[in-house]
mmCIF file of all heavy atoms, coordinates in Angstrom:
data_MODEL
# 
_entry.id   MODEL 
# 
loop_
_atom_site.group_PDB 
_atom_site.id 
_atom_site.type_symbol 
_atom_site.label_atom_id 
_atom_site.label_alt_id 
_atom_site.label_comp_id 
_atom_site.label_asym_id 
_atom_site.label_entity_id 
_atom_site.label_seq_id 
_atom_site.pdbx_PDB_ins_code 
_atom_site.Cartn_x 
_atom_site.Cartn_y 
_atom_site.Cartn_z 
_atom_site.occupancy 
_atom_site.B_iso_or_equiv 
_atom_site.pdbx_formal_charge 
_atom_site.auth_seq_id 
_atom_site.auth_comp_id 
_atom_site.auth_asym_id 
_atom_site.auth_atom_id 
_atom_site.pdbx_PDB_model_num 
ATOM 1   N N   . GLY A 1 1  ? 0.770  -2.863  8.310  1.00 0.00 ? 1  GLY A N   1 
ATOM 2   C CA  . GLY A 1 1  ? -0.396 -3.718  8.068  1.00 0.00 ? 1  GLY A CA  1 
ATOM 3   C C   . GLY A 1 1  ? -0.910 -3.593  6.640  1.00 0.00 ? 1  GLY A C   1 
ATOM 4   O O   . GLY A 1 1  ? -1.239 -4.597  5.996  1.00 0.00 ? 1  GLY A O   1 
ATOM 5   N N   . VAL A 1 2  ? -0.956 -2.368  6.141  1.00 0.00 ? 2  VAL A N   1 
ATOM 6   C CA  . VAL A 1 2  ? -1.398 -2.135  4.753  1.00 0.00 ? 2  VAL A CA  1 
ATOM 7   C C   . VAL A 1 2  ? -0.410 -2.782  3.784  1.00 0.00 ? 2  VAL A C   1 
ATOM 8   O O   . VAL A 1 2  ? -0.817 -3.411  2.800  1.00 0.00 ? 2  VAL A O   1 
ATOM 9   C CB  . VAL A 1 2  ? -1.556 -0.621  4.473  1.00 0.00 ? 2  VAL A CB  1 
ATOM 10  C CG1 . VAL A 1 2  ? -1.670 -0.333  2.987  1.00 0.00 ? 2  VAL A CG1 1 
ATOM 11  C CG2 . VAL A 1 2  ? -2.775 -0.078  5.217  1.00 0.00 ? 2  VAL A CG2 1 
ATOM 12  N N   . LEU A 1 3  ? 0.890  -2.656  4.067  1.00 0.00 ? 3  LEU A N   1 
ATOM 13  C CA  . LEU A 1 3  ? 1.890  -3.248  3.175  1.00 0.00 ? 3  LEU A CA  1 
ATOM 14  C C   . LEU A 1 3  ? 1.776  -4.767  3.139  1.00 0.00 ? 3  LEU A C   1 
ATOM 15  O O   . LEU A 1 3  ? 1.955  -5.373  2.080  1.00 0.00 ? 3  LEU A O   1 
ATOM 16  C CB  . LEU A 1 3  ? 3.299  -2.833  3.600  1.00 0.00 ? 3  LEU A CB  1 
ATOM 17  C CG  . LEU A 1 3  ? 3.638  -1.374  3.392  1.00 0.00 ? 3  LEU A CG  1 
ATOM 18  C CD1 . LEU A 1 3  ? 5.052  -1.075  3.871  1.00 0.00 ? 3  LEU A CD1 1 
ATOM 19  C CD2 . LEU A 1 3  ? 3.458  -0.968  1.946  1.00 0.00 ? 3  LEU A CD2 1 
ATOM 20  N N   . THR A 1 4  ? 1.466  -5.365  4.267  1.00 0.00 ? 4  THR A N   1 
ATOM 21  C CA  . THR A 1 4  ? 1.278  -6.815  4.289  1.00 0.00 ? 4  THR A CA  1 
ATOM 22  C C   . THR A 1 4  ? 0.168  -7.212  3.315  1.00 0.00 ? 4  THR A C   1 
ATOM 23  O O   . THR A 1 4  ? 0.314  -8.155  2.541  1.00 0.00 ? 4  THR A O   1 
ATOM 24  C CB  . THR A 1 4  ? 0.953  -7.291  5.719  1.00 0.00 ? 4  THR A CB  1 
ATOM 25  O OG1 . THR A 1 4  ? 2.051  -6.945  6.573  1.00 0.00 ? 4  THR A OG1 1 
ATOM 26  C CG2 . THR A 1 4  ? 0.717  -8.787  5.769  1.00 0.00 ? 4  THR A CG2 1 
ATOM 27  N N   . GLU A 1 5  ? -0.912 -6.467  3.321  1.00 0.00 ? 5  GLU A N   1 
ATOM 28  C CA  . GLU A 1 5  ? -2.044 -6.745  2.421  1.00 0.00 ? 5  GLU A CA  1 
ATOM 29  C C   . GLU A 1 5  ? -1.695 -6.408  0.965  1.00 0.00 ? 5  GLU A C   1 
ATOM 30  O O   . GLU A 1 5  ? -1.978 -7.199  0.052  1.00 0.00 ? 5  GLU A O   1 
ATOM 31  C CB  . GLU A 1 5  ? -3.263 -5.941  2.871  1.00 0.00 ? 5  GLU A CB  1 
ATOM 32  C CG  . GLU A 1 5  ? -4.509 -6.197  2.073  1.00 0.00 ? 5  GLU A CG  1 
ATOM 33  C CD  . GLU A 1 5  ? -5.047 -7.616  2.195  1.00 0.00 ? 5  GLU A CD  1 
ATOM 34  O OE1 . GLU A 1 5  ? -4.776 -8.298  3.199  1.00 0.00 ? 5  GLU A OE1 1 
ATOM 35  O OE2 . GLU A 1 5  ? -5.746 -8.054  1.255  1.00 0.00 ? 5  GLU A OE2 1 
ATOM 36  N N   . VAL A 1 6  ? -1.085 -5.261  0.746  1.00 0.00 ? 6  VAL A N   1 
ATOM 37  C CA  . VAL A 1 6  ? -0.751 -4.823  -0.615 1.00 0.00 ? 6  VAL A CA  1 
ATOM 38  C C   . VAL A 1 6  ? 0.238  -5.785  -1.278 1.00 0.00 ? 6  VAL A C   1 
ATOM 39  O O   . VAL A 1 6  ? 0.061  -6.154  -2.444 1.00 0.00 ? 6  VAL A O   1 
ATOM 40  C CB  . VAL A 1 6  ? -0.183 -3.381  -0.585 1.00 0.00 ? 6  VAL A CB  1 
ATOM 41  C CG1 . VAL A 1 6  ? 0.484  -3.006  -1.890 1.00 0.00 ? 6  VAL A CG1 1 
ATOM 42  C CG2 . VAL A 1 6  ? -1.290 -2.388  -0.257 1.00 0.00 ? 6  VAL A CG2 1 
ATOM 43  N N   . TYR A 1 7  ? 1.271  -6.204  -0.551 1.00 0.00 ? 7  TYR A N   1 
ATOM 44  C CA  . TYR A 1 7  ? 2.268  -7.102  -1.142 1.00 0.00 ? 7  TYR A CA  1 
ATOM 45  C C   . TYR A 1 7  ? 1.755  -8.535  -1.273 1.00 0.00 ? 7  TYR A C   1 
ATOM 46  O O   . TYR A 1 7  ? 2.285  -9.312  -2.055 1.00 0.00 ? 7  TYR A O   1 
ATOM 47  C CB  . TYR A 1 7  ? 3.568  -7.072  -0.344 1.00 0.00 ? 7  TYR A CB  1 
ATOM 48  C CG  . TYR A 1 7  ? 4.308  -5.749  -0.415 1.00 0.00 ? 7  TYR A CG  1 
ATOM 49  C CD1 . TYR A 1 7  ? 5.203  -5.382  0.576  1.00 0.00 ? 7  TYR A CD1 1 
ATOM 50  C CD2 . TYR A 1 7  ? 4.117  -4.855  -1.463 1.00 0.00 ? 7  TYR A CD2 1 
ATOM 51  C CE1 . TYR A 1 7  ? 5.898  -4.181  0.522  1.00 0.00 ? 7  TYR A CE1 1 
ATOM 52  C CE2 . TYR A 1 7  ? 4.802  -3.651  -1.530 1.00 0.00 ? 7  TYR A CE2 1 
ATOM 53  C CZ  . TYR A 1 7  ? 5.687  -3.323  -0.536 1.00 0.00 ? 7  TYR A CZ  1 
ATOM 54  O OH  . TYR A 1 7  ? 6.379  -2.129  -0.592 1.00 0.00 ? 7  TYR A OH  1 
ATOM 55  N N   . ALA A 1 8  ? 0.699  -8.882  -0.536 1.00 0.00 ? 8  ALA A N   1 
ATOM 56  C CA  . ALA A 1 8  ? 0.076  -10.203 -0.698 1.00 0.00 ? 8  ALA A CA  1 
ATOM 57  C C   . ALA A 1 8  ? -0.778 -10.248 -1.962 1.00 0.00 ? 8  ALA A C   1 
ATOM 58  O O   . ALA A 1 8  ? -1.017 -11.317 -2.520 1.00 0.00 ? 8  ALA A O   1 
ATOM 59  C CB  . ALA A 1 8  ? -0.774 -10.547 0.522  1.00 0.00 ? 8  ALA A CB  1 
ATOM 60  N N   . HIS A 1 9  ? -1.245 -9.076  -2.406 1.00 0.00 ? 9  HIS A N   1 
ATOM 61  C CA  . HIS A 1 9  ? -2.116 -8.979  -3.586 1.00 0.00 ? 9  HIS A CA  1 
ATOM 62  C C   . HIS A 1 9  ? -1.665 -7.812  -4.466 1.00 0.00 ? 9  HIS A C   1 
ATOM 63  O O   . HIS A 1 9  ? -2.381 -6.825  -4.615 1.00 0.00 ? 9  HIS A O   1 
ATOM 64  C CB  . HIS A 1 9  ? -3.567 -8.769  -3.146 1.00 0.00 ? 9  HIS A CB  1 
ATOM 65  C CG  . HIS A 1 9  ? -4.051 -9.796  -2.188 1.00 0.00 ? 9  HIS A CG  1 
ATOM 66  N ND1 . HIS A 1 9  ? -4.409 -11.062 -2.571 1.00 0.00 ? 9  HIS A ND1 1 
ATOM 67  C CD2 . HIS A 1 9  ? -4.207 -9.756  -0.835 1.00 0.00 ? 9  HIS A CD2 1 
ATOM 68  C CE1 . HIS A 1 9  ? -4.776 -11.761 -1.513 1.00 0.00 ? 9  HIS A CE1 1 
ATOM 69  N NE2 . HIS A 1 9  ? -4.663 -10.989 -0.445 1.00 0.00 ? 9  HIS A NE2 1 
ATOM 70  N N   . PRO A 1 10 ? -0.476 -7.904  -5.065 1.00 0.00 ? 10 PRO A N   1 
ATOM 71  C CA  . PRO A 1 10 ? 0.052  -6.761  -5.820 1.00 0.00 ? 10 PRO A CA  1 
ATOM 72  C C   . PRO A 1 10 ? -0.752 -6.399  -7.069 1.00 0.00 ? 10 PRO A C   1 
ATOM 73  O O   . PRO A 1 10 ? -0.584 -5.307  -7.596 1.00 0.00 ? 10 PRO A O   1 
ATOM 74  C CB  . PRO A 1 10 ? 1.475  -7.186  -6.172 1.00 0.00 ? 10 PRO A CB  1 
ATOM 75  C CG  . PRO A 1 10 ? 1.492  -8.653  -6.043 1.00 0.00 ? 10 PRO A CG  1 
ATOM 76  C CD  . PRO A 1 10 ? 0.456  -9.006  -5.018 1.00 0.00 ? 10 PRO A CD  1 
ATOM 77  N N   . SER A 1 11 ? -1.649 -7.264  -7.503 1.00 0.00 ? 11 SER A N   1 
ATOM 78  C CA  . SER A 1 11 ? -2.468 -6.925  -8.676 1.00 0.00 ? 11 SER A CA  1 
ATOM 79  C C   . SER A 1 11 ? -3.615 -5.978  -8.306 1.00 0.00 ? 11 SER A C   1 
ATOM 80  O O   . SER A 1 11 ? -4.221 -5.370  -9.177 1.00 0.00 ? 11 SER A O   1 
ATOM 81  C CB  . SER A 1 11 ? -3.027 -8.193  -9.332 1.00 0.00 ? 11 SER A CB  1 
ATOM 82  O OG  . SER A 1 11 ? -3.845 -8.888  -8.426 1.00 0.00 ? 11 SER A OG  1 
ATOM 83  N N   . ARG A 1 12 ? -3.889 -5.844  -7.015 1.00 0.00 ? 12 ARG A N   1 
ATOM 84  C CA  . ARG A 1 12 ? -4.927 -4.912  -6.558 1.00 0.00 ? 12 ARG A CA  1 
ATOM 85  C C   . ARG A 1 12 ? -4.353 -3.499  -6.422 1.00 0.00 ? 12 ARG A C   1 
ATOM 86  O O   . ARG A 1 12 ? -3.148 -3.306  -6.362 1.00 0.00 ? 12 ARG A O   1 
ATOM 87  C CB  . ARG A 1 12 ? -5.484 -5.355  -5.211 1.00 0.00 ? 12 ARG A CB  1 
ATOM 88  C CG  . ARG A 1 12 ? -6.197 -6.677  -5.255 1.00 0.00 ? 12 ARG A CG  1 
ATOM 89  C CD  . ARG A 1 12 ? -6.746 -6.997  -3.889 1.00 0.00 ? 12 ARG A CD  1 
ATOM 90  N NE  . ARG A 1 12 ? -7.272 -8.352  -3.850 1.00 0.00 ? 12 ARG A NE  1 
ATOM 91  C CZ  . ARG A 1 12 ? -7.562 -8.980  -2.727 1.00 0.00 ? 12 ARG A CZ  1 
ATOM 92  N NH1 . ARG A 1 12 ? -7.409 -8.383  -1.557 1.00 0.00 ? 12 ARG A NH1 1 
ATOM 93  N NH2 . ARG A 1 12 ? -8.031 -10.204 -2.762 1.00 0.00 ? 12 ARG A NH2 1 
ATOM 94  N N   . SER A 1 13 ? -5.228 -2.539  -6.316 1.00 0.00 ? 13 SER A N   1 
ATOM 95  C CA  . SER A 1 13 ? -4.802 -1.151  -6.150 1.00 0.00 ? 13 SER A CA  1 
ATOM 96  C C   . SER A 1 13 ? -4.138 -0.954  -4.788 1.00 0.00 ? 13 SER A C   1 
ATOM 97  O O   . SER A 1 13 ? -4.688 -1.364  -3.765 1.00 0.00 ? 13 SER A O   1 
ATOM 98  C CB  . SER A 1 13 ? -6.002 -0.212  -6.252 1.00 0.00 ? 13 SER A CB  1 
ATOM 99  O OG  . SER A 1 13 ? -5.625 1.091   -5.879 1.00 0.00 ? 13 SER A OG  1 
ATOM 100 N N   . PRO A 1 14 ? -2.982 -0.292  -4.756 1.00 0.00 ? 14 PRO A N   1 
ATOM 101 C CA  . PRO A 1 14 ? -2.312 -0.006  -3.486 1.00 0.00 ? 14 PRO A CA  1 
ATOM 102 C C   . PRO A 1 14 ? -2.750 1.324   -2.873 1.00 0.00 ? 14 PRO A C   1 
ATOM 103 O O   . PRO A 1 14 ? -2.053 1.902   -2.051 1.00 0.00 ? 14 PRO A O   1 
ATOM 104 C CB  . PRO A 1 14 ? -0.835 0.040   -3.895 1.00 0.00 ? 14 PRO A CB  1 
ATOM 105 C CG  . PRO A 1 14 ? -0.869 0.559   -5.290 1.00 0.00 ? 14 PRO A CG  1 
ATOM 106 C CD  . PRO A 1 14 ? -2.134 -0.014  -5.907 1.00 0.00 ? 14 PRO A CD  1 
ATOM 107 N N   . LYS A 1 15 ? -3.911 1.813   -3.252 1.00 0.00 ? 15 LYS A N   1 
ATOM 108 C CA  . LYS A 1 15 ? -4.392 3.136   -2.841 1.00 0.00 ? 15 LYS A CA  1 
ATOM 109 C C   . LYS A 1 15 ? -4.389 3.333   -1.321 1.00 0.00 ? 15 LYS A C   1 
ATOM 110 O O   . LYS A 1 15 ? -4.183 4.449   -0.840 1.00 0.00 ? 15 LYS A O   1 
ATOM 111 C CB  . LYS A 1 15 ? -5.805 3.348   -3.393 1.00 0.00 ? 15 LYS A CB  1 
ATOM 112 C CG  . LYS A 1 15 ? -6.262 4.752   -3.345 1.00 0.00 ? 15 LYS A CG  1 
ATOM 113 C CD  . LYS A 1 15 ? -6.336 5.303   -4.751 1.00 0.00 ? 15 LYS A CD  1 
ATOM 114 C CE  . LYS A 1 15 ? -6.941 6.671   -4.753 1.00 0.00 ? 15 LYS A CE  1 
ATOM 115 N NZ  . LYS A 1 15 ? -6.018 7.689   -5.173 1.00 0.00 ? 15 LYS A NZ  1 
ATOM 116 N N   . ALA A 1 16 ? -4.620 2.281   -0.541 1.00 0.00 ? 16 ALA A N   1 
ATOM 117 C CA  . ALA A 1 16 ? -4.666 2.407   0.924  1.00 0.00 ? 16 ALA A CA  1 
ATOM 118 C C   . ALA A 1 16 ? -3.346 2.924   1.501  1.00 0.00 ? 16 ALA A C   1 
ATOM 119 O O   . ALA A 1 16 ? -3.331 3.501   2.588  1.00 0.00 ? 16 ALA A O   1 
ATOM 120 C CB  . ALA A 1 16 ? -5.016 1.066   1.555  1.00 0.00 ? 16 ALA A CB  1 
ATOM 121 N N   . VAL A 1 17 ? -2.259 2.757   0.762  1.00 0.00 ? 17 VAL A N   1 
ATOM 122 C CA  . VAL A 1 17 ? -0.947 3.242   1.195  1.00 0.00 ? 17 VAL A CA  1 
ATOM 123 C C   . VAL A 1 17 ? -0.981 4.754   1.410  1.00 0.00 ? 17 VAL A C   1 
ATOM 124 O O   . VAL A 1 17 ? -0.297 5.281   2.287  1.00 0.00 ? 17 VAL A O   1 
ATOM 125 C CB  . VAL A 1 17 ? 0.123  2.852   0.143  1.00 0.00 ? 17 VAL A CB  1 
ATOM 126 C CG1 . VAL A 1 17 ? 1.429  3.583   0.381  1.00 0.00 ? 17 VAL A CG1 1 
ATOM 127 C CG2 . VAL A 1 17 ? 0.330  1.345   0.141  1.00 0.00 ? 17 VAL A CG2 1 
ATOM 128 N N   . GLU A 1 18 ? -1.800 5.464   0.632  1.00 0.00 ? 18 GLU A N   1 
ATOM 129 C CA  . GLU A 1 18 ? -1.845 6.929   0.686  1.00 0.00 ? 18 GLU A CA  1 
ATOM 130 C C   . GLU A 1 18 ? -2.276 7.467   2.045  1.00 0.00 ? 18 GLU A C   1 
ATOM 131 O O   . GLU A 1 18 ? -1.986 8.609   2.370  1.00 0.00 ? 18 GLU A O   1 
ATOM 132 C CB  . GLU A 1 18 ? -2.768 7.468   -0.412 1.00 0.00 ? 18 GLU A CB  1 
ATOM 133 C CG  . GLU A 1 18 ? -2.221 7.214   -1.790 1.00 0.00 ? 18 GLU A CG  1 
ATOM 134 C CD  . GLU A 1 18 ? -3.133 7.680   -2.899 1.00 0.00 ? 18 GLU A CD  1 
ATOM 135 O OE1 . GLU A 1 18 ? -4.140 8.373   -2.622 1.00 0.00 ? 18 GLU A OE1 1 
ATOM 136 O OE2 . GLU A 1 18 ? -2.845 7.338   -4.060 1.00 0.00 ? 18 GLU A OE2 1 
ATOM 137 N N   . ARG A 1 19 ? -2.958 6.657   2.850  1.00 0.00 ? 19 ARG A N   1 
ATOM 138 C CA  . ARG A 1 19 ? -3.376 7.103   4.178  1.00 0.00 ? 19 ARG A CA  1 
ATOM 139 C C   . ARG A 1 19 ? -2.213 7.209   5.158  1.00 0.00 ? 19 ARG A C   1 
ATOM 140 O O   . ARG A 1 19 ? -2.308 7.891   6.168  1.00 0.00 ? 19 ARG A O   1 
ATOM 141 C CB  . ARG A 1 19 ? -4.410 6.142   4.752  1.00 0.00 ? 19 ARG A CB  1 
ATOM 142 C CG  . ARG A 1 19 ? -5.776 6.319   4.137  1.00 0.00 ? 19 ARG A CG  1 
ATOM 143 C CD  . ARG A 1 19 ? -6.775 5.401   4.783  1.00 0.00 ? 19 ARG A CD  1 
ATOM 144 N NE  . ARG A 1 19 ? -7.107 4.388   3.783  1.00 0.00 ? 19 ARG A NE  1 
ATOM 145 C CZ  . ARG A 1 19 ? -7.517 3.173   4.021  1.00 0.00 ? 19 ARG A CZ  1 
ATOM 146 N NH1 . ARG A 1 19 ? -7.671 2.768   5.256  1.00 0.00 ? 19 ARG A NH1 1 
ATOM 147 N NH2 . ARG A 1 19 ? -7.794 2.353   3.052  1.00 0.00 ? 19 ARG A NH2 1 
ATOM 148 N N   . TYR A 1 20 ? -1.106 6.492   4.861  1.00 0.00 ? 20 TYR A N   1 
ATOM 149 C CA  . TYR A 1 20 ? -0.018 6.392   5.830  1.00 0.00 ? 20 TYR A CA  1 
ATOM 150 C C   . TYR A 1 20 ? 1.355  6.764   5.287  1.00 0.00 ? 20 TYR A C   1 
ATOM 151 O O   . TYR A 1 20 ? 2.268  7.001   6.071  1.00 0.00 ? 20 TYR A O   1 
ATOM 152 C CB  . TYR A 1 20 ? 0.027  4.964   6.395  1.00 0.00 ? 20 TYR A CB  1 
ATOM 153 C CG  . TYR A 1 20 ? -1.310 4.531   6.916  1.00 0.00 ? 20 TYR A CG  1 
ATOM 154 C CD1 . TYR A 1 20 ? -2.082 3.590   6.239  1.00 0.00 ? 20 TYR A CD1 1 
ATOM 155 C CD2 . TYR A 1 20 ? -1.833 5.098   8.072  1.00 0.00 ? 20 TYR A CD2 1 
ATOM 156 C CE1 . TYR A 1 20 ? -3.331 3.217   6.710  1.00 0.00 ? 20 TYR A CE1 1 
ATOM 157 C CE2 . TYR A 1 20 ? -3.083 4.731   8.549  1.00 0.00 ? 20 TYR A CE2 1 
ATOM 158 C CZ  . TYR A 1 20 ? -3.825 3.782   7.860  1.00 0.00 ? 20 TYR A CZ  1 
ATOM 159 O OH  . TYR A 1 20 ? -5.061 3.422   8.328  1.00 0.00 ? 20 TYR A OH  1 
ATOM 160 N N   . ALA A 1 21 ? 1.533  6.777   3.973  1.00 0.00 ? 21 ALA A N   1 
ATOM 161 C CA  . ALA A 1 21 ? 2.842  7.089   3.380  1.00 0.00 ? 21 ALA A CA  1 
ATOM 162 C C   . ALA A 1 21 ? 2.743  8.327   2.504  1.00 0.00 ? 21 ALA A C   1 
ATOM 163 O O   . ALA A 1 21 ? 1.702  8.579   1.873  1.00 0.00 ? 21 ALA A O   1 
ATOM 164 C CB  . ALA A 1 21 ? 3.345  5.909   2.570  1.00 0.00 ? 21 ALA A CB  1 
ATOM 165 N N   . TRP A 1 22 ? 3.842  9.080   2.452  1.00 0.00 ? 22 TRP A N   1 
ATOM 166 C CA  . TRP A 1 22 ? 3.889  10.336  1.716  1.00 0.00 ? 22 TRP A CA  1 
ATOM 167 C C   . TRP A 1 22 ? 5.243  10.425  1.010  1.00 0.00 ? 22 TRP A C   1 
ATOM 168 O O   . TRP A 1 22 ? 6.219  9.843   1.462  1.00 0.00 ? 22 TRP A O   1 
ATOM 169 C CB  . TRP A 1 22 ? 3.747  11.484  2.718  1.00 0.00 ? 22 TRP A CB  1 
ATOM 170 C CG  . TRP A 1 22 ? 3.601  12.845  2.133  1.00 0.00 ? 22 TRP A CG  1 
ATOM 171 C CD1 . TRP A 1 22 ? 4.603  13.719  1.825  1.00 0.00 ? 22 TRP A CD1 1 
ATOM 172 C CD2 . TRP A 1 22 ? 2.387  13.507  1.806  1.00 0.00 ? 22 TRP A CD2 1 
ATOM 173 N NE1 . TRP A 1 22 ? 4.082  14.871  1.329  1.00 0.00 ? 22 TRP A NE1 1 
ATOM 174 C CE2 . TRP A 1 22 ? 2.718  14.776  1.313  1.00 0.00 ? 22 TRP A CE2 1 
ATOM 175 C CE3 . TRP A 1 22 ? 1.051  13.154  1.887  1.00 0.00 ? 22 TRP A CE3 1 
ATOM 176 C CZ2 . TRP A 1 22 ? 1.764  15.690  0.889  1.00 0.00 ? 22 TRP A CZ2 1 
ATOM 177 C CZ3 . TRP A 1 22 ? 0.099  14.059  1.479  1.00 0.00 ? 22 TRP A CZ3 1 
ATOM 178 C CH2 . TRP A 1 22 ? 0.455  15.317  0.986  1.00 0.00 ? 22 TRP A CH2 1 
ATOM 179 N N   . GLY A 1 23 ? 5.291  11.144  -0.058 1.00 0.00 ? 23 GLY A N   1 
ATOM 180 C CA  . GLY A 1 23 ? 6.564  11.456  -0.706 1.00 0.00 ? 23 GLY A CA  1 
ATOM 181 C C   . GLY A 1 23 ? 7.330  10.232  -1.154 1.00 0.00 ? 23 GLY A C   1 
ATOM 182 O O   . GLY A 1 23 ? 6.799  9.340   -1.808 1.00 0.00 ? 23 GLY A O   1 
ATOM 183 N N   . GLY A 1 24 ? 8.620  10.191  -0.785 1.00 0.00 ? 24 GLY A N   1 
ATOM 184 C CA  . GLY A 1 24 ? 9.513  9.125   -1.222 1.00 0.00 ? 24 GLY A CA  1 
ATOM 185 C C   . GLY A 1 24 ? 9.074  7.738   -0.786 1.00 0.00 ? 24 GLY A C   1 
ATOM 186 O O   . GLY A 1 24 ? 9.218  6.768   -1.541 1.00 0.00 ? 24 GLY A O   1 
ATOM 187 N N   . ALA A 1 25 ? 8.533  7.622   0.412  1.00 0.00 ? 25 ALA A N   1 
ATOM 188 C CA  . ALA A 1 25 ? 8.086  6.308   0.886  1.00 0.00 ? 25 ALA A CA  1 
ATOM 189 C C   . ALA A 1 25 ? 6.956  5.783   0.004  1.00 0.00 ? 25 ALA A C   1 
ATOM 190 O O   . ALA A 1 25 ? 6.967  4.624   -0.419 1.00 0.00 ? 25 ALA A O   1 
ATOM 191 C CB  . ALA A 1 25 ? 7.620  6.383   2.338  1.00 0.00 ? 25 ALA A CB  1 
# 
């Protein structure tokens, strides 16, 4: 769900990814 939002607006900060992804991902 976060990726759907992040890739729809790549100029915004992708910081929300940090809640669910770690390391290589």
